[in-house]
């Protein structure tokens, strides 16, 4: 390509542009397209793929989950299906689990009792 023209952030991208941006070969993008129904680029004449900005974000998220966070393909599929295809992690996985107060109090009392007996044993030495 002679010279490089910067595209608008809302412009559609070709598979070669997306592959370079995401950092994976083109065949990996085509494979992910077969495994993740949320990835659905527009296809024009000759089966040329054009990716929307949302597709690129989703592909970057898939790449991060697979290669940085260690998810399997199946794990990413489940995560995306639970999130409704969103590029964000589901709220349930981001928020800490709430424990009933009675369970928390009982756990803390058990820890306190263990600490007290440990202190008593240490003082007896």
N, C-alpha and C. Protein backbone atom coordinates (compact mmCIF):
# COMPACT_ATOMS: atom_id res chain seq x y z
N UNK A 1 0.84 -1.17 0.00
CA UNK A 1 0.00 0.00 0.00
C UNK A 1 0.89 1.24 0.00
N UNK A 2 0.60 2.19 -0.85
CA UNK A 2 1.38 3.42 -0.92
C UNK A 2 0.76 4.42 0.04
N UNK A 3 1.52 4.80 1.07
CA UNK A 3 0.99 5.73 2.06
C UNK A 3 -0.09 5.10 2.90
N UNK A 4 -0.28 5.63 4.07
CA UNK A 4 -1.28 5.08 4.97
C UNK A 4 -2.26 6.18 5.35
N UNK A 5 -3.51 5.96 5.07
CA UNK A 5 -4.55 6.92 5.40
C UNK A 5 -5.26 6.43 6.64
N UNK A 6 -5.33 7.27 7.65
CA UNK A 6 -5.98 6.91 8.91
C UNK A 6 -7.49 6.91 8.69
N UNK A 7 -8.13 5.80 9.06
CA UNK A 7 -9.59 5.70 8.91
C UNK A 7 -10.29 6.28 10.13
N UNK A 8 -11.50 6.67 9.92
CA UNK A 8 -12.34 7.14 11.02
C UNK A 8 -12.59 5.98 11.99
N UNK A 9 -12.81 6.30 13.24
CA UNK A 9 -13.07 5.24 14.24
C UNK A 9 -14.38 4.52 13.98
N UNK A 10 -15.26 5.11 13.17
CA UNK A 10 -16.54 4.47 12.86
C UNK A 10 -16.53 3.73 11.53
N UNK A 11 -15.39 3.80 10.82
CA UNK A 11 -15.29 3.15 9.50
C UNK A 11 -15.23 1.64 9.63
N UNK A 12 -15.71 0.97 8.60
CA UNK A 12 -15.60 -0.48 8.53
C UNK A 12 -14.16 -0.85 8.20
N UNK A 13 -13.74 -2.02 8.68
CA UNK A 13 -12.37 -2.48 8.46
C UNK A 13 -12.38 -3.78 7.66
N UNK A 14 -11.35 -3.96 6.85
CA UNK A 14 -11.20 -5.23 6.12
C UNK A 14 -10.57 -6.25 7.06
N UNK A 15 -10.59 -7.51 6.64
CA UNK A 15 -10.04 -8.56 7.48
C UNK A 15 -8.54 -8.36 7.70
N UNK A 16 -7.82 -7.86 6.71
CA UNK A 16 -6.39 -7.64 6.89
C UNK A 16 -6.12 -6.53 7.90
N UNK A 17 -6.94 -5.48 7.89
CA UNK A 17 -6.79 -4.39 8.86
C UNK A 17 -7.10 -4.87 10.27
N UNK A 18 -8.15 -5.66 10.40
CA UNK A 18 -8.55 -6.17 11.72
C UNK A 18 -7.50 -7.15 12.24
N UNK A 19 -6.99 -8.02 11.37
CA UNK A 19 -5.97 -8.98 11.78
C UNK A 19 -4.75 -8.25 12.33
N UNK A 20 -4.34 -7.18 11.65
CA UNK A 20 -3.18 -6.40 12.12
C UNK A 20 -3.49 -5.71 13.44
N UNK A 21 -4.70 -5.17 13.57
CA UNK A 21 -5.07 -4.45 14.79
C UNK A 21 -5.20 -5.38 15.99
N UNK A 22 -5.79 -6.55 15.79
CA UNK A 22 -5.99 -7.51 16.88
C UNK A 22 -4.70 -8.27 17.17
N UNK A 23 -3.86 -8.44 16.13
CA UNK A 23 -2.60 -9.13 16.32
C UNK A 23 -2.67 -10.63 16.12
N UNK A 24 -3.57 -11.07 15.25
CA UNK A 24 -3.70 -12.49 14.92
C UNK A 24 -3.79 -12.63 13.40
N UNK A 25 -3.44 -13.80 12.86
CA UNK A 25 -3.56 -14.00 11.41
C UNK A 25 -5.03 -14.00 10.97
N UNK A 26 -5.24 -13.74 9.69
CA UNK A 26 -6.60 -13.68 9.14
C UNK A 26 -7.35 -14.99 9.33
N UNK A 27 -6.66 -16.13 9.19
CA UNK A 27 -7.36 -17.41 9.33
C UNK A 27 -7.89 -17.60 10.74
N UNK A 28 -7.25 -16.99 11.74
CA UNK A 28 -7.75 -17.08 13.12
C UNK A 28 -9.06 -16.31 13.24
N UNK A 29 -9.15 -15.15 12.60
CA UNK A 29 -10.40 -14.38 12.62
C UNK A 29 -11.54 -15.17 11.97
N UNK A 30 -11.23 -15.85 10.85
CA UNK A 30 -12.26 -16.66 10.19
C UNK A 30 -12.67 -17.83 11.08
N UNK A 31 -11.71 -18.42 11.79
CA UNK A 31 -12.02 -19.51 12.71
C UNK A 31 -12.91 -19.00 13.85
N UNK A 32 -12.54 -17.87 14.45
CA UNK A 32 -13.35 -17.32 15.53
C UNK A 32 -14.76 -17.00 15.05
N UNK A 33 -14.88 -16.56 13.82
CA UNK A 33 -16.20 -16.28 13.25
C UNK A 33 -17.06 -17.55 13.25
N UNK A 34 -16.44 -18.71 13.04
CA UNK A 34 -17.18 -19.97 13.04
C UNK A 34 -17.51 -20.44 14.45
N UNK A 35 -16.76 -20.00 15.43
CA UNK A 35 -16.95 -20.45 16.82
C UNK A 35 -17.78 -19.48 17.66
N UNK A 36 -17.79 -18.21 17.31
CA UNK A 36 -18.49 -17.19 18.09
C UNK A 36 -19.55 -16.53 17.21
N UNK A 37 -20.81 -16.88 17.38
CA UNK A 37 -21.86 -16.30 16.54
C UNK A 37 -22.01 -14.78 16.73
N UNK A 38 -21.47 -14.25 17.82
CA UNK A 38 -21.54 -12.81 18.06
C UNK A 38 -20.68 -12.03 17.06
N UNK A 39 -19.68 -12.72 16.48
CA UNK A 39 -18.81 -12.08 15.48
C UNK A 39 -19.47 -12.29 14.12
N UNK A 40 -20.00 -11.21 13.56
CA UNK A 40 -20.69 -11.36 12.28
C UNK A 40 -20.40 -10.15 11.40
N UNK A 41 -19.25 -10.17 10.73
CA UNK A 41 -18.94 -9.06 9.83
C UNK A 41 -19.88 -9.06 8.63
N UNK A 42 -20.01 -7.90 8.02
CA UNK A 42 -20.78 -7.83 6.78
C UNK A 42 -19.99 -8.54 5.69
N UNK A 43 -20.70 -9.26 4.83
CA UNK A 43 -20.03 -9.92 3.71
C UNK A 43 -20.59 -9.34 2.43
N UNK A 44 -19.68 -8.89 1.58
CA UNK A 44 -20.06 -8.31 0.31
C UNK A 44 -19.64 -9.24 -0.81
N UNK A 45 -19.73 -8.77 -2.03
CA UNK A 45 -19.37 -9.56 -3.20
C UNK A 45 -18.04 -10.27 -3.04
N UNK A 46 -17.99 -11.51 -3.46
CA UNK A 46 -16.77 -12.29 -3.34
C UNK A 46 -16.48 -12.71 -1.91
N UNK A 47 -17.50 -12.64 -1.05
CA UNK A 47 -17.39 -13.02 0.36
C UNK A 47 -16.37 -12.17 1.12
N UNK A 48 -16.16 -10.93 0.68
CA UNK A 48 -15.24 -10.04 1.40
C UNK A 48 -15.89 -9.62 2.70
N UNK A 49 -15.12 -9.67 3.77
CA UNK A 49 -15.62 -9.33 5.10
C UNK A 49 -15.30 -7.88 5.44
N UNK A 50 -16.29 -7.20 6.02
CA UNK A 50 -16.11 -5.85 6.52
C UNK A 50 -16.58 -5.81 7.97
N UNK A 51 -15.64 -5.47 8.85
CA UNK A 51 -15.90 -5.50 10.29
C UNK A 51 -16.30 -4.12 10.79
N UNK A 52 -17.36 -4.10 11.59
CA UNK A 52 -17.82 -2.89 12.24
C UNK A 52 -16.91 -2.61 13.44
N UNK A 53 -16.90 -1.38 13.96
CA UNK A 53 -16.10 -1.09 15.16
C UNK A 53 -16.47 -2.01 16.34
N UNK A 54 -17.75 -2.34 16.49
CA UNK A 54 -18.16 -3.24 17.58
C UNK A 54 -17.58 -4.64 17.39
N UNK A 55 -17.49 -5.09 16.12
CA UNK A 55 -16.88 -6.40 15.83
C UNK A 55 -15.41 -6.39 16.24
N UNK A 56 -14.71 -5.30 15.94
CA UNK A 56 -13.29 -5.20 16.27
C UNK A 56 -13.11 -5.24 17.78
N UNK A 57 -13.94 -4.51 18.52
CA UNK A 57 -13.87 -4.52 19.98
C UNK A 57 -14.10 -5.93 20.51
N UNK A 58 -15.09 -6.63 19.97
CA UNK A 58 -15.38 -7.99 20.40
C UNK A 58 -14.21 -8.92 20.10
N UNK A 59 -13.61 -8.78 18.94
CA UNK A 59 -12.46 -9.61 18.59
C UNK A 59 -11.26 -9.32 19.50
N UNK A 60 -11.07 -8.07 19.87
CA UNK A 60 -9.99 -7.74 20.80
C UNK A 60 -10.26 -8.36 22.18
N UNK A 61 -11.52 -8.35 22.58
CA UNK A 61 -11.91 -8.96 23.87
C UNK A 61 -11.67 -10.47 23.82
N UNK A 62 -12.07 -11.12 22.73
CA UNK A 62 -11.86 -12.57 22.58
C UNK A 62 -10.36 -12.86 22.62
N UNK A 63 -9.58 -12.07 21.92
CA UNK A 63 -8.13 -12.25 21.90
C UNK A 63 -7.55 -12.15 23.32
N UNK A 64 -7.98 -11.13 24.06
CA UNK A 64 -7.49 -10.93 25.43
C UNK A 64 -7.89 -12.09 26.34
N UNK A 65 -9.15 -12.54 26.22
CA UNK A 65 -9.62 -13.65 27.05
C UNK A 65 -8.85 -14.94 26.75
N UNK A 66 -8.60 -15.20 25.48
CA UNK A 66 -7.91 -16.44 25.10
C UNK A 66 -6.42 -16.41 25.42
N UNK A 67 -5.76 -15.33 25.05
CA UNK A 67 -4.30 -15.32 25.11
C UNK A 67 -3.73 -14.66 26.36
N UNK A 68 -4.44 -13.72 26.98
CA UNK A 68 -3.91 -13.06 28.17
C UNK A 68 -4.49 -13.64 29.46
N UNK A 69 -5.80 -13.92 29.43
CA UNK A 69 -6.46 -14.39 30.65
C UNK A 69 -6.58 -15.90 30.73
N UNK A 70 -6.18 -16.62 29.67
CA UNK A 70 -6.10 -18.07 29.71
C UNK A 70 -7.41 -18.83 29.57
N UNK A 71 -8.44 -18.19 29.07
CA UNK A 71 -9.71 -18.89 28.84
C UNK A 71 -9.56 -19.87 27.68
N UNK A 72 -10.38 -20.90 27.68
CA UNK A 72 -10.48 -21.79 26.53
C UNK A 72 -11.53 -21.23 25.58
N UNK A 73 -11.59 -21.78 24.37
CA UNK A 73 -12.62 -21.35 23.42
C UNK A 73 -13.99 -21.55 24.05
N UNK A 74 -14.20 -22.72 24.65
CA UNK A 74 -15.48 -23.04 25.29
C UNK A 74 -15.79 -22.04 26.42
N UNK A 75 -14.77 -21.69 27.19
CA UNK A 75 -14.96 -20.74 28.28
C UNK A 75 -15.38 -19.37 27.77
N UNK A 76 -14.76 -18.93 26.70
CA UNK A 76 -15.13 -17.63 26.11
C UNK A 76 -16.54 -17.70 25.53
N UNK A 77 -16.88 -18.83 24.90
CA UNK A 77 -18.24 -18.99 24.36
C UNK A 77 -19.26 -18.86 25.48
N UNK A 78 -19.01 -19.51 26.61
CA UNK A 78 -19.95 -19.44 27.73
C UNK A 78 -20.01 -18.03 28.30
N UNK A 79 -18.85 -17.40 28.44
CA UNK A 79 -18.81 -16.04 28.97
C UNK A 79 -19.60 -15.08 28.08
N UNK A 80 -19.40 -15.18 26.78
CA UNK A 80 -20.11 -14.29 25.86
C UNK A 80 -21.60 -14.59 25.80
N UNK A 81 -21.98 -15.87 25.90
CA UNK A 81 -23.41 -16.19 25.86
C UNK A 81 -24.10 -15.69 27.12
N UNK A 82 -23.42 -15.77 28.26
CA UNK A 82 -24.01 -15.25 29.51
C UNK A 82 -24.10 -13.74 29.47
N UNK A 83 -23.13 -13.10 28.80
CA UNK A 83 -23.11 -11.64 28.74
C UNK A 83 -23.97 -11.11 27.60
N UNK A 84 -24.61 -12.02 26.86
CA UNK A 84 -25.44 -11.59 25.74
C UNK A 84 -24.62 -11.05 24.59
N UNK A 85 -23.37 -11.52 24.47
CA UNK A 85 -22.52 -11.08 23.38
C UNK A 85 -21.83 -9.76 23.66
N UNK A 86 -22.02 -9.22 24.83
CA UNK A 86 -21.39 -7.97 25.18
C UNK A 86 -19.89 -8.13 25.24
N UNK A 87 -19.16 -7.04 25.02
CA UNK A 87 -17.72 -7.09 25.15
C UNK A 87 -17.30 -6.92 26.60
N UNK A 88 -18.23 -6.61 27.47
CA UNK A 88 -17.94 -6.48 28.89
C UNK A 88 -18.14 -7.81 29.59
N UNK A 89 -17.42 -8.02 30.67
CA UNK A 89 -17.64 -9.20 31.49
C UNK A 89 -18.99 -9.04 32.18
N UNK A 90 -19.71 -10.13 32.42
CA UNK A 90 -21.00 -10.00 33.09
C UNK A 90 -20.85 -9.40 34.48
N UNK A 91 -21.86 -8.65 34.90
CA UNK A 91 -21.80 -7.98 36.19
C UNK A 91 -21.58 -8.95 37.33
N UNK A 92 -22.15 -10.15 37.23
CA UNK A 92 -22.00 -11.14 38.29
C UNK A 92 -20.54 -11.53 38.50
N UNK A 93 -19.75 -11.54 37.44
CA UNK A 93 -18.35 -11.93 37.58
C UNK A 93 -17.49 -10.77 38.09
N UNK A 94 -17.97 -9.53 37.93
CA UNK A 94 -17.21 -8.37 38.41
C UNK A 94 -17.51 -8.07 39.87
N UNK A 95 -18.74 -8.31 40.31
CA UNK A 95 -19.13 -7.97 41.67
C UNK A 95 -18.81 -9.11 42.62
N UNK A 96 -18.39 -8.79 43.85
CA UNK A 96 -18.15 -9.85 44.81
C UNK A 96 -19.45 -10.54 45.19
N UNK A 97 -19.35 -11.82 45.52
CA UNK A 97 -20.53 -12.56 45.94
C UNK A 97 -20.99 -12.06 47.31
N UNK A 98 -22.28 -11.88 47.46
CA UNK A 98 -22.83 -11.45 48.75
C UNK A 98 -23.08 -12.69 49.60
N UNK A 99 -22.62 -12.63 50.84
CA UNK A 99 -22.79 -13.73 51.77
C UNK A 99 -23.83 -13.29 52.79
N UNK A 100 -24.80 -14.17 53.15
CA UNK A 100 -25.78 -13.79 54.16
C UNK A 100 -25.08 -13.39 55.47
N UNK A 101 -25.62 -12.39 56.14
CA UNK A 101 -25.00 -11.87 57.35
C UNK A 101 -24.82 -12.95 58.41
N UNK A 102 -25.81 -13.84 58.56
CA UNK A 102 -25.70 -14.87 59.59
C UNK A 102 -24.53 -15.81 59.30
N UNK A 103 -24.28 -16.12 58.03
CA UNK A 103 -23.15 -16.97 57.66
C UNK A 103 -21.84 -16.26 57.92
N UNK A 104 -21.78 -14.97 57.58
CA UNK A 104 -20.56 -14.20 57.80
C UNK A 104 -20.25 -14.08 59.28
N UNK A 105 -21.26 -13.81 60.09
CA UNK A 105 -21.06 -13.68 61.53
C UNK A 105 -20.58 -15.01 62.12
N UNK A 106 -21.18 -16.11 61.70
CA UNK A 106 -20.77 -17.42 62.21
C UNK A 106 -19.33 -17.72 61.82
N UNK A 107 -18.94 -17.39 60.59
CA UNK A 107 -17.56 -17.61 60.15
C UNK A 107 -16.58 -16.76 60.95
N UNK A 108 -16.93 -15.51 61.18
CA UNK A 108 -16.06 -14.63 61.95
C UNK A 108 -15.94 -15.09 63.40
N UNK A 109 -17.03 -15.56 63.99
CA UNK A 109 -16.97 -16.07 65.37
C UNK A 109 -16.08 -17.30 65.46
N UNK A 110 -16.13 -18.17 64.46
CA UNK A 110 -15.27 -19.36 64.45
C UNK A 110 -13.80 -18.95 64.33
N UNK A 111 -13.51 -17.95 63.52
CA UNK A 111 -12.14 -17.47 63.38
C UNK A 111 -11.68 -16.86 64.70
N UNK A 112 -12.56 -16.08 65.33
CA UNK A 112 -12.21 -15.46 66.62
C UNK A 112 -11.88 -16.53 67.65
N UNK A 113 -12.67 -17.60 67.70
CA UNK A 113 -12.43 -18.68 68.66
C UNK A 113 -11.09 -19.35 68.38
N UNK A 114 -10.76 -19.57 67.11
CA UNK A 114 -9.47 -20.18 66.77
C UNK A 114 -8.31 -19.27 67.18
N UNK A 115 -8.45 -17.98 66.94
CA UNK A 115 -7.41 -17.04 67.32
C UNK A 115 -7.24 -16.98 68.84
N UNK A 116 -8.35 -16.99 69.55
CA UNK A 116 -8.28 -16.94 71.02
C UNK A 116 -7.58 -18.18 71.56
N UNK A 117 -7.89 -19.34 71.02
CA UNK A 117 -7.23 -20.55 71.52
C UNK A 117 -5.75 -20.55 71.13
N UNK A 118 -5.41 -20.01 69.96
CA UNK A 118 -4.01 -19.90 69.57
C UNK A 118 -3.25 -18.96 70.47
N UNK A 119 -3.87 -17.83 70.83
CA UNK A 119 -3.23 -16.88 71.74
C UNK A 119 -3.04 -17.49 73.13
N UNK A 120 -4.06 -18.21 73.59
CA UNK A 120 -3.95 -18.84 74.91
C UNK A 120 -2.82 -19.85 74.92
N UNK A 121 -2.68 -20.61 73.85
CA UNK A 121 -1.60 -21.60 73.77
C UNK A 121 -0.24 -20.91 73.72
N UNK A 122 -0.15 -19.80 73.01
CA UNK A 122 1.11 -19.07 72.91
C UNK A 122 1.49 -18.45 74.24
N UNK A 123 0.53 -17.97 74.99
CA UNK A 123 0.80 -17.37 76.32
C UNK A 123 1.24 -18.44 77.32
N UNK A 124 0.76 -19.66 77.15
CA UNK A 124 1.11 -20.75 78.07
C UNK A 124 2.56 -21.18 77.88
N UNK A 125 3.16 -20.86 76.76
CA UNK A 125 4.56 -21.25 76.51
C UNK A 125 5.52 -20.51 77.33
